[in-house]
């Protein structure tokens, strides 16, 4: 009997599979646009409401709190209800939250809607990583995950260009950023509804009502042959739960992956959240500051894409560790830049290159270390708790700047997060990409272990 998951894992990628991967890129771009919309809007918000840098740091962190909560709690729901349903639900929350942000007239109201929007983004993040892992074959899984991750800086590039165009007409146009994000998120709802079937891996593991019919419908839509019966699940497999990420077998993996993501995100979000404000404090116009942020995301997109290609030649773990170390170098150099737009742009691109390549490495590692029945749960926990670093990052930087620390000093402190993340990865043991409830031959196991050494 052919296991439907093996058809996905071992067969060549079809056009529809590439389309679904492209959809995850667009969904991750929505995350990038939404998160950076508040960063680009930061100067305008300060101008309109007369708040200081510490207060702005709190506002910048609000959707990150929602993202952390959404990732932790909604990731588990995605493992219970399915990838497709969760994706659609998160899009509704994201779109409505962006529109509601445009109604804010004070910091408190804006913060509430940013937390709400963050819930949808967090759930989306934990779900899309599972989707791209489960709709790609083993051969191209690392590359496909990296392509999904570069959606974030691509969304940031688009956000930066929109912000540049709007801010040229005055910083008080910041609400239009959220209107644009709400429209784009809303347009993705019918795209997902009509094009993305439920995950074959999830259906094979959960086996809900009419599972065989749904699996075959998904396989047919993907361009693969159908199967005659559902894969058999042992009693032990059926007893597995989403809480297995805290089992004695997986707890060390869960904690180390979370620590690596947490510390690296502190560094990564320092660049993303504070670049526009730092550049404007140097006396550079807000529109040019938005352009510097765009360059950080251009570097991020290139770094993520190159990382995906390098995973076919270099072991995932040493590659990721090296990239995290270089992230600190990039951030430290950015902090020492002269107040000149061209130099700032190049150094921001350098920091973004390694910062997002590091995120690609961590997302790929997460997809490999968590099996199907806890893939969204594990991803959600790592990203949710890890995004605590994203919450702390702008707050820490804001208070350091208010306390009188120089930009080079702040950059050096914030860059240390990536080094701590690299240290956590040193102790993380990587296994295979084998779902715990699906058979994989010894030859395949050897191949995977070799590629990830």
Protein backbone atom coordinates (compact mmCIF):
# COMPACT_ATOMS: atom_id res chain seq x y z
CA UNK A 1 0.00 0.00 0.00
CA UNK A 2 1.40 3.40 -0.99
CA UNK A 3 1.55 6.01 1.74
CA UNK A 4 0.20 9.31 0.28
CA UNK A 5 2.86 11.22 2.21
CA UNK A 6 5.56 9.29 0.40
CA UNK A 7 4.03 10.35 -2.92
CA UNK A 8 4.54 13.98 -1.90
CA UNK A 9 7.97 13.37 -0.39
CA UNK A 10 9.49 11.28 -3.18
CA UNK A 11 7.82 12.52 -6.38
CA UNK A 12 9.00 15.42 -8.49
CA UNK A 13 7.43 18.79 -7.65
CA UNK A 14 4.42 19.62 -9.83
CA UNK A 15 3.33 23.02 -11.08
CA UNK A 16 0.54 23.18 -8.47
CA UNK A 17 2.99 22.45 -5.68
CA UNK A 18 5.13 25.35 -6.84
CA UNK A 19 2.01 27.53 -6.96
CA UNK A 20 1.22 26.64 -3.33
CA UNK A 21 4.80 27.44 -2.33
CA UNK A 22 4.39 30.77 -4.14
CA UNK A 23 1.20 31.38 -2.13
CA UNK A 24 3.16 30.87 1.11
CA UNK A 25 5.69 33.40 -0.17
CA UNK A 26 2.87 35.91 -0.65
CA UNK A 27 1.40 35.10 2.77
CA UNK A 28 4.76 35.68 4.39
CA UNK A 29 5.03 38.92 2.42
CA UNK A 30 1.81 40.02 4.12
CA UNK A 31 3.58 39.48 7.42
CA UNK A 32 6.54 41.56 6.23
CA UNK A 33 4.34 44.38 4.99
CA UNK A 34 2.18 44.47 8.10
CA UNK A 35 5.02 44.40 10.61
CA UNK A 36 7.06 47.03 8.77
CA UNK A 37 4.06 49.27 8.11
CA UNK A 38 4.21 50.39 11.73
CA UNK A 39 7.97 50.96 11.45
CA UNK A 40 7.60 53.13 8.35
CA UNK A 41 4.73 54.94 10.08
CA UNK A 42 6.79 55.57 13.24
CA UNK A 43 7.97 59.10 12.33
CA UNK A 44 4.44 60.11 11.35
CA UNK A 45 2.96 58.70 14.55
CA UNK A 46 5.51 60.60 16.64
CA UNK A 47 4.75 63.80 14.75
CA UNK A 48 0.96 63.49 15.08
CA UNK A 49 0.75 62.39 18.71
CA UNK A 50 3.91 63.98 20.14
CA UNK A 51 5.32 60.84 21.79
CA UNK A 52 8.97 60.15 22.70
CA UNK A 53 11.19 57.30 21.51
CA UNK A 54 10.44 55.07 24.52
CA UNK A 55 6.68 55.40 23.91
CA UNK A 56 7.18 54.69 20.23
CA UNK A 57 9.16 51.59 21.14
CA UNK A 58 6.14 50.30 23.06
CA UNK A 59 3.83 50.97 20.11
CA UNK A 60 6.22 49.20 17.76
CA UNK A 61 6.10 46.14 20.02
CA UNK A 62 2.33 45.76 20.29
CA UNK A 63 1.69 43.59 17.21
CA UNK A 64 4.69 41.50 18.22
CA UNK A 65 2.93 40.65 21.50
CA UNK A 66 -0.09 39.55 19.48
CA UNK A 67 2.16 37.57 17.15
CA UNK A 68 3.75 35.76 20.07
CA UNK A 69 0.34 34.81 21.51
CA UNK A 70 -1.04 33.86 18.10
CA UNK A 71 1.95 31.69 17.25
CA UNK A 72 1.87 29.76 20.54
CA UNK A 73 -1.87 29.17 20.78
CA UNK A 74 -3.01 29.10 17.15
CA UNK A 75 -0.18 26.82 16.01
CA UNK A 76 -1.68 24.05 18.12
CA UNK A 77 -5.10 24.73 16.63
CA UNK A 78 -3.65 24.38 13.13
CA UNK A 79 -2.46 20.89 14.08
CA UNK A 80 -6.00 20.07 15.23
CA UNK A 81 -8.23 21.83 12.66
CA UNK A 82 -5.98 21.80 9.60
CA UNK A 83 -3.63 24.09 7.73
CA UNK A 84 -6.15 25.47 5.23
CA UNK A 85 -8.80 26.50 7.77
CA UNK A 86 -6.22 28.21 9.95
CA UNK A 87 -4.73 30.09 7.00
CA UNK A 88 -8.13 31.46 5.98
CA UNK A 89 -9.02 32.46 9.53
CA UNK A 90 -5.72 34.27 10.06
CA UNK A 91 -6.16 36.21 6.82
CA UNK A 92 -9.54 37.48 8.03
CA UNK A 93 -8.01 38.67 11.31
CA UNK A 94 -5.02 40.30 9.58
CA UNK A 95 -7.13 42.15 7.03
CA UNK A 96 -9.69 43.42 9.53
CA UNK A 97 -6.96 44.41 12.00
CA UNK A 98 -5.15 46.51 9.41
CA UNK A 99 -8.34 48.37 8.55
CA UNK A 100 -9.18 48.92 12.23
CA UNK A 101 -5.72 50.43 12.82
CA UNK A 102 -6.67 53.28 10.48
CA UNK A 103 -9.40 54.34 12.93
CA UNK A 104 -6.97 54.87 15.84
CA UNK A 105 -6.74 58.38 17.28
CA UNK A 106 -4.42 57.63 20.22
CA UNK A 107 -1.63 55.27 21.29
CA UNK A 108 -3.89 53.00 23.36
CA UNK A 109 -6.39 52.33 20.56
CA UNK A 110 -3.66 51.75 18.00
CA UNK A 111 -1.92 49.36 20.39
CA UNK A 112 -5.12 47.31 20.83
CA UNK A 113 -5.61 46.89 17.10
CA UNK A 114 -1.93 46.04 16.61
CA UNK A 115 -2.19 43.23 19.19
CA UNK A 116 -5.30 41.94 17.43
CA UNK A 117 -3.59 42.03 14.03
CA UNK A 118 -0.56 40.31 15.52
CA UNK A 119 -2.72 37.36 16.59
CA UNK A 120 -3.52 36.67 12.95
CA UNK A 121 0.09 37.12 11.85
CA UNK A 122 1.35 34.77 14.56
CA UNK A 123 -1.10 32.05 13.60
CA UNK A 124 -0.17 32.53 9.94
CA UNK A 125 3.55 32.19 10.67
CA UNK A 126 3.15 28.86 12.46
CA UNK A 127 0.86 27.55 9.72
CA UNK A 128 2.73 28.60 6.57
CA UNK A 129 5.94 26.91 7.70
CA UNK A 130 4.00 23.65 8.05
CA UNK A 131 2.26 24.20 4.70
CA UNK A 132 5.44 24.73 2.70
CA UNK A 133 7.16 21.78 4.40
CA UNK A 134 4.23 19.45 3.71
CA UNK A 135 3.55 20.50 0.11
CA UNK A 136 7.20 20.25 -1.01
CA UNK A 137 9.18 17.08 -1.65
CA UNK A 138 12.20 16.04 0.39
CA UNK A 139 14.69 17.06 -2.29
CA UNK A 140 13.53 20.68 -2.48
CA UNK A 141 12.11 21.17 1.02
CA UNK A 142 14.95 23.32 2.34
CA UNK A 143 14.93 25.49 -0.77
CA UNK A 144 11.13 25.90 -0.67
CA UNK A 145 11.20 26.92 2.99
CA UNK A 146 13.88 29.50 2.21
CA UNK A 147 11.76 30.85 -0.64
CA UNK A 148 8.83 31.17 1.75
CA UNK A 149 10.97 33.06 4.23
CA UNK A 150 12.13 35.62 1.65
CA UNK A 151 8.50 36.63 1.27
CA UNK A 152 9.00 38.62 4.47
CA UNK A 153 11.66 40.99 3.10
CA UNK A 154 9.85 41.15 -0.24
CA UNK A 155 6.81 42.42 1.64
CA UNK A 156 9.10 44.80 3.47
CA UNK A 157 10.53 46.09 0.18
CA UNK A 158 7.02 46.77 -1.10
CA UNK A 159 6.13 48.40 2.22
CA UNK A 160 9.22 50.59 2.05
CA UNK A 161 8.45 51.73 -1.48
CA UNK A 162 4.82 52.48 -0.60
CA UNK A 163 6.02 54.35 2.48
CA UNK A 164 8.54 56.32 0.46
CA UNK A 165 5.87 57.41 -1.99
CA UNK A 166 3.45 58.38 0.78
CA UNK A 167 5.97 60.07 3.05
CA UNK A 168 7.15 62.26 0.19
CA UNK A 169 3.75 63.91 0.63
CA UNK A 170 4.06 64.28 4.41
CA UNK A 171 4.54 61.88 7.31
CA UNK A 172 0.90 62.18 8.44
CA UNK A 173 -0.13 59.83 5.62
CA UNK A 174 0.79 56.86 7.82
CA UNK A 175 -2.81 55.50 8.00
CA UNK A 176 -2.81 54.77 4.27
CA UNK A 177 -0.08 52.19 4.94
CA UNK A 178 -2.54 50.11 6.93
CA UNK A 179 -5.33 50.55 4.40
CA UNK A 180 -3.02 49.15 1.72
CA UNK A 181 -2.09 46.19 3.93
CA UNK A 182 -5.73 45.44 4.71
CA UNK A 183 -6.66 45.37 1.03
CA UNK A 184 -3.78 43.08 0.07
CA UNK A 185 -4.49 40.67 2.94
CA UNK A 186 -8.16 40.56 1.96
CA UNK A 187 -7.30 39.73 -1.65
CA UNK A 188 -5.37 36.66 -0.49
CA UNK A 189 -8.48 35.07 1.04
CA UNK A 190 -10.03 33.87 -2.29
CA UNK A 191 -6.58 32.86 -3.55
CA UNK A 192 -6.12 30.46 -0.63
CA UNK A 193 -9.74 29.31 -0.71
CA UNK A 194 -9.68 28.22 -4.34
CA UNK A 195 -6.08 27.09 -4.83
CA UNK A 196 -4.77 25.57 -1.60
CA UNK A 197 -6.11 22.12 -0.61
CA UNK A 198 -5.68 20.66 2.84
CA UNK A 199 -2.27 19.15 3.59
CA UNK A 200 -1.96 15.47 2.64
CA UNK A 201 0.42 14.98 5.57
CA UNK A 202 -2.12 16.44 8.00
CA UNK A 203 -5.02 14.43 6.57
CA UNK A 204 -2.96 11.23 6.70
CA UNK A 205 -2.01 11.83 10.31
CA UNK A 206 -5.38 13.09 11.66
CA UNK A 207 -7.65 10.99 9.38
CA UNK A 208 -10.85 13.05 9.89
CA UNK A 209 -14.21 12.23 8.26
CA UNK A 210 -13.85 11.46 4.53
CA UNK A 211 -10.07 11.59 4.89
CA UNK A 212 -9.42 9.24 1.95
CA UNK A 213 -11.64 11.24 -0.40
CA UNK A 214 -10.00 14.50 0.70
CA UNK A 215 -6.51 13.05 0.33
CA UNK A 216 -7.25 11.84 -3.18
CA UNK A 217 -8.84 15.15 -4.11
CA UNK A 218 -5.71 16.94 -2.89
CA UNK A 219 -3.40 14.51 -4.71
CA UNK A 220 -5.39 14.94 -7.91
CA UNK A 221 -5.25 18.73 -7.61
CA UNK A 222 -1.51 18.52 -7.08
CA UNK A 223 -1.10 16.33 -10.15
CA UNK A 224 -0.22 13.06 -8.40
CA UNK A 225 -1.77 9.60 -8.50
CA UNK A 226 -4.45 8.68 -5.97
CA UNK A 227 -4.24 5.97 -3.29
CA UNK A 228 -6.57 3.08 -2.47
CA UNK A 229 -6.57 3.30 1.31
CA UNK A 230 -5.53 5.41 4.26
CA UNK A 231 -2.14 4.66 5.84
CA UNK A 232 -2.46 2.55 8.98
CA UNK A 233 -1.64 4.26 12.26
CA UNK A 234 -0.46 2.30 15.28
CA UNK A 235 -2.04 2.76 18.69
CA UNK A 236 1.04 4.63 19.88
CA UNK A 237 0.87 7.04 16.97
CA UNK A 238 -2.82 7.72 17.58
CA UNK A 239 -2.02 8.64 21.18
CA UNK A 240 0.44 11.33 20.15
CA UNK A 241 -0.64 14.87 21.01
CA UNK A 242 0.42 18.42 20.34
CA UNK A 243 1.98 18.49 23.80
CA UNK A 244 4.68 16.09 22.62
CA UNK A 245 6.96 19.08 22.02
CA UNK A 246 7.49 18.99 25.81
CA UNK A 247 8.03 15.23 26.01
CA UNK A 248 11.38 13.94 27.34
CA UNK A 249 12.41 13.06 23.79
CA UNK A 250 11.73 16.51 22.33
CA UNK A 251 12.05 19.01 25.19
CA UNK A 252 15.75 19.77 24.59
CA UNK A 253 15.11 20.33 20.88
CA UNK A 254 12.16 22.60 21.62
CA UNK A 255 14.05 24.73 24.12
CA UNK A 256 17.26 25.07 22.07
CA UNK A 257 15.39 25.94 18.86
CA UNK A 258 13.33 28.49 20.79
CA UNK A 259 16.42 30.05 22.39
CA UNK A 260 18.21 30.31 19.03
CA UNK A 261 15.21 32.02 17.42
CA UNK A 262 14.58 34.27 20.44
CA UNK A 263 18.09 35.69 20.57
CA UNK A 264 18.52 36.10 16.82
CA UNK A 265 15.17 37.89 16.52
CA UNK A 266 16.32 40.45 19.10
CA UNK A 267 19.04 41.45 16.66
CA UNK A 268 16.96 41.10 13.50
CA UNK A 269 14.09 43.25 14.75
CA UNK A 270 16.44 45.96 15.96
CA UNK A 271 17.30 46.57 12.31
CA UNK A 272 13.71 46.28 11.08
CA UNK A 273 12.02 48.34 13.76
CA UNK A 274 14.46 51.15 14.44
CA UNK A 275 16.08 51.85 11.07
CA UNK A 276 13.61 54.56 9.89
CA UNK A 277 13.61 56.37 13.23
CA UNK A 278 17.41 56.17 13.67
CA UNK A 279 17.98 57.50 10.17
CA UNK A 280 15.57 60.42 10.65
CA UNK A 281 17.29 61.39 13.91
CA UNK A 282 20.47 61.84 11.83
CA UNK A 283 18.69 64.65 10.02
CA UNK A 284 17.77 62.61 6.97
CA UNK A 285 14.19 63.03 5.56
CA UNK A 286 11.60 60.37 6.44
CA UNK A 287 11.18 59.35 2.80
CA UNK A 288 14.91 58.62 2.51
CA UNK A 289 14.80 56.71 5.82
CA UNK A 290 12.10 54.49 4.36
CA UNK A 291 14.40 53.88 1.41
CA UNK A 292 17.18 52.70 3.75
CA UNK A 293 14.75 50.19 5.26
CA UNK A 294 13.96 49.02 1.73
CA UNK A 295 17.65 48.27 1.19
CA UNK A 296 17.72 46.23 4.41
CA UNK A 297 14.93 44.12 2.97
CA UNK A 298 16.58 43.84 -0.45
CA UNK A 299 19.60 42.40 1.32
CA UNK A 300 17.28 40.13 3.30
CA UNK A 301 15.61 38.77 0.18
CA UNK A 302 18.96 38.04 -1.47
CA UNK A 303 20.29 36.46 1.72
CA UNK A 304 17.28 34.18 2.11
CA UNK A 305 17.41 33.04 -1.51
CA UNK A 306 21.15 32.38 -1.40
CA UNK A 307 20.73 30.46 1.85
CA UNK A 308 18.25 28.12 0.18
CA UNK A 309 20.73 27.38 -2.59
CA UNK A 310 23.63 26.88 -0.18
CA UNK A 311 21.71 24.27 1.84
CA UNK A 312 22.19 21.86 -1.09
CA UNK A 313 25.97 22.17 -0.67
CA UNK A 314 26.67 23.04 2.97
CA UNK A 315 25.30 21.40 6.11
CA UNK A 316 22.28 23.22 7.52
CA UNK A 317 23.61 23.57 11.06
CA UNK A 318 27.13 24.95 10.38
CA UNK A 319 25.75 27.24 7.67
CA UNK A 320 23.17 28.68 10.06
CA UNK A 321 25.70 29.16 12.86
CA UNK A 322 28.10 31.03 10.56
CA UNK A 323 25.34 33.27 9.23
CA UNK A 324 24.17 34.22 12.73
CA UNK A 325 27.72 35.21 13.64
CA UNK A 326 28.00 37.42 10.55
CA UNK A 327 24.68 39.06 11.46
CA UNK A 328 26.29 40.65 14.48
CA UNK A 329 29.11 41.96 12.30
CA UNK A 330 26.58 43.52 9.92
CA UNK A 331 24.60 45.19 12.71
CA UNK A 332 27.77 46.52 14.36
CA UNK A 333 28.94 48.09 11.09
CA UNK A 334 25.49 49.61 10.52
CA UNK A 335 25.70 51.24 13.93
CA UNK A 336 28.95 52.96 12.97
CA UNK A 337 27.69 54.39 9.67
CA UNK A 338 28.11 58.03 8.83
CA UNK A 339 24.84 60.03 8.41
CA UNK A 340 24.90 59.54 4.66
CA UNK A 341 22.07 57.80 2.81
CA UNK A 342 24.18 55.71 0.41
CA UNK A 343 26.44 54.32 3.12
CA UNK A 344 23.48 53.66 5.42
CA UNK A 345 21.68 51.83 2.60
CA UNK A 346 24.63 49.55 1.81
CA UNK A 347 25.26 48.70 5.45
CA UNK A 348 21.53 48.11 6.05
CA UNK A 349 21.51 45.72 3.08
CA UNK A 350 24.55 43.92 4.53
CA UNK A 351 22.89 43.51 7.92
CA UNK A 352 19.60 42.48 6.31
CA UNK A 353 21.38 39.92 4.10
CA UNK A 354 22.71 37.92 7.04
CA UNK A 355 19.79 38.66 9.35
CA UNK A 356 17.16 37.17 7.04
CA UNK A 357 19.44 34.34 5.91
CA UNK A 358 19.62 33.45 9.60
CA UNK A 359 15.83 33.45 9.83
CA UNK A 360 15.73 31.14 6.78
CA UNK A 361 18.11 28.78 8.53
CA UNK A 362 16.05 28.73 11.71
CA UNK A 363 12.76 28.17 9.87
CA UNK A 364 14.30 25.28 7.95
CA UNK A 365 15.66 23.75 11.14
CA UNK A 366 12.22 24.04 12.76
CA UNK A 367 10.58 22.20 9.85
CA UNK A 368 13.11 19.38 10.13
CA UNK A 369 13.11 18.83 13.89
CA UNK A 370 9.32 18.72 14.46
CA UNK A 371 7.28 15.79 13.04
CA UNK A 372 3.92 16.22 11.29
CA UNK A 373 1.61 15.90 14.29
CA UNK A 374 3.35 18.77 16.11
CA UNK A 375 4.89 20.69 13.20
CA UNK A 376 2.59 23.71 13.48
CA UNK A 377 2.54 23.45 17.28
CA UNK A 378 6.33 23.29 17.50
CA UNK A 379 6.73 26.05 14.93
CA UNK A 380 4.18 28.17 16.75
CA UNK A 381 5.87 27.68 20.12
CA UNK A 382 9.34 28.49 18.81
CA UNK A 383 8.14 31.53 16.86
CA UNK A 384 5.71 32.66 19.57
CA UNK A 385 8.16 32.53 22.46
CA UNK A 386 10.95 33.60 20.14
CA UNK A 387 8.98 36.65 19.09
CA UNK A 388 9.31 37.69 22.71
CA UNK A 389 12.72 38.75 21.50
CA UNK A 390 11.01 40.86 18.86
CA UNK A 391 8.87 42.46 21.57
CA UNK A 392 11.91 43.23 23.72
CA UNK A 393 14.11 44.40 20.86
CA UNK A 394 12.58 47.83 20.12
CA UNK A 395 11.91 48.41 23.83
CA UNK A 396 15.52 47.67 24.81
CA UNK A 397 16.87 49.80 21.97
CA UNK A 398 14.48 52.64 22.81
CA UNK A 399 15.52 52.77 26.46
CA UNK A 400 19.22 52.50 25.60
CA UNK A 401 18.88 55.45 23.23
CA UNK A 402 16.90 57.45 25.78
CA UNK A 403 19.55 56.68 28.41
CA UNK A 404 22.17 58.37 26.25
CA UNK A 405 23.94 55.36 24.74
CA UNK A 406 25.57 56.07 21.40
CA UNK A 407 24.36 54.36 18.25
CA UNK A 408 27.53 52.20 17.95
CA UNK A 409 27.07 51.06 21.56
CA UNK A 410 23.42 50.20 21.04
CA UNK A 411 24.18 48.34 17.81
CA UNK A 412 26.89 46.28 19.52
CA UNK A 413 24.59 45.31 22.39
CA UNK A 414 21.69 44.44 20.07
CA UNK A 415 23.98 42.47 17.74
CA UNK A 416 24.95 40.10 20.56
CA UNK A 417 21.55 38.41 20.24
CA UNK A 418 22.59 36.62 17.04
CA UNK A 419 25.78 35.36 18.68
CA UNK A 420 23.77 33.88 21.54
CA UNK A 421 21.48 32.26 18.96
CA UNK A 422 24.49 30.70 17.25
CA UNK A 423 25.67 29.27 20.58
CA UNK A 424 22.24 27.65 21.13
CA UNK A 425 22.45 26.02 17.68
CA UNK A 426 25.82 24.49 18.59
CA UNK A 427 24.05 22.29 21.14
CA UNK A 428 20.99 21.49 18.98
CA UNK A 429 20.96 17.98 17.53
CA UNK A 430 19.35 17.70 14.10
CA UNK A 431 17.65 14.46 13.12
CA UNK A 432 15.85 13.62 9.88
CA UNK A 433 12.81 15.16 8.26
CA UNK A 434 10.91 11.92 8.84
CA UNK A 435 7.40 12.39 10.25
CA UNK A 436 7.17 10.26 13.38
CA UNK A 437 4.16 8.41 11.97
CA UNK A 438 5.45 7.80 8.42
CA UNK A 439 7.96 5.18 7.29
CA UNK A 440 11.23 6.26 5.70
CA UNK A 441 13.79 3.86 4.31
CA UNK A 442 17.25 3.56 5.80
CA UNK A 443 18.78 4.88 2.59
CA UNK A 444 16.71 8.04 2.82
CA UNK A 445 17.60 8.46 6.49
CA UNK A 446 21.27 8.25 5.69
CA UNK A 447 20.93 10.78 2.91
CA UNK A 448 19.13 13.25 5.15
CA UNK A 449 21.59 12.86 8.01
CA UNK A 450 24.47 13.43 5.63
CA UNK A 451 22.92 16.59 4.18
CA UNK A 452 22.25 18.05 7.61
CA UNK A 453 25.54 17.17 9.27
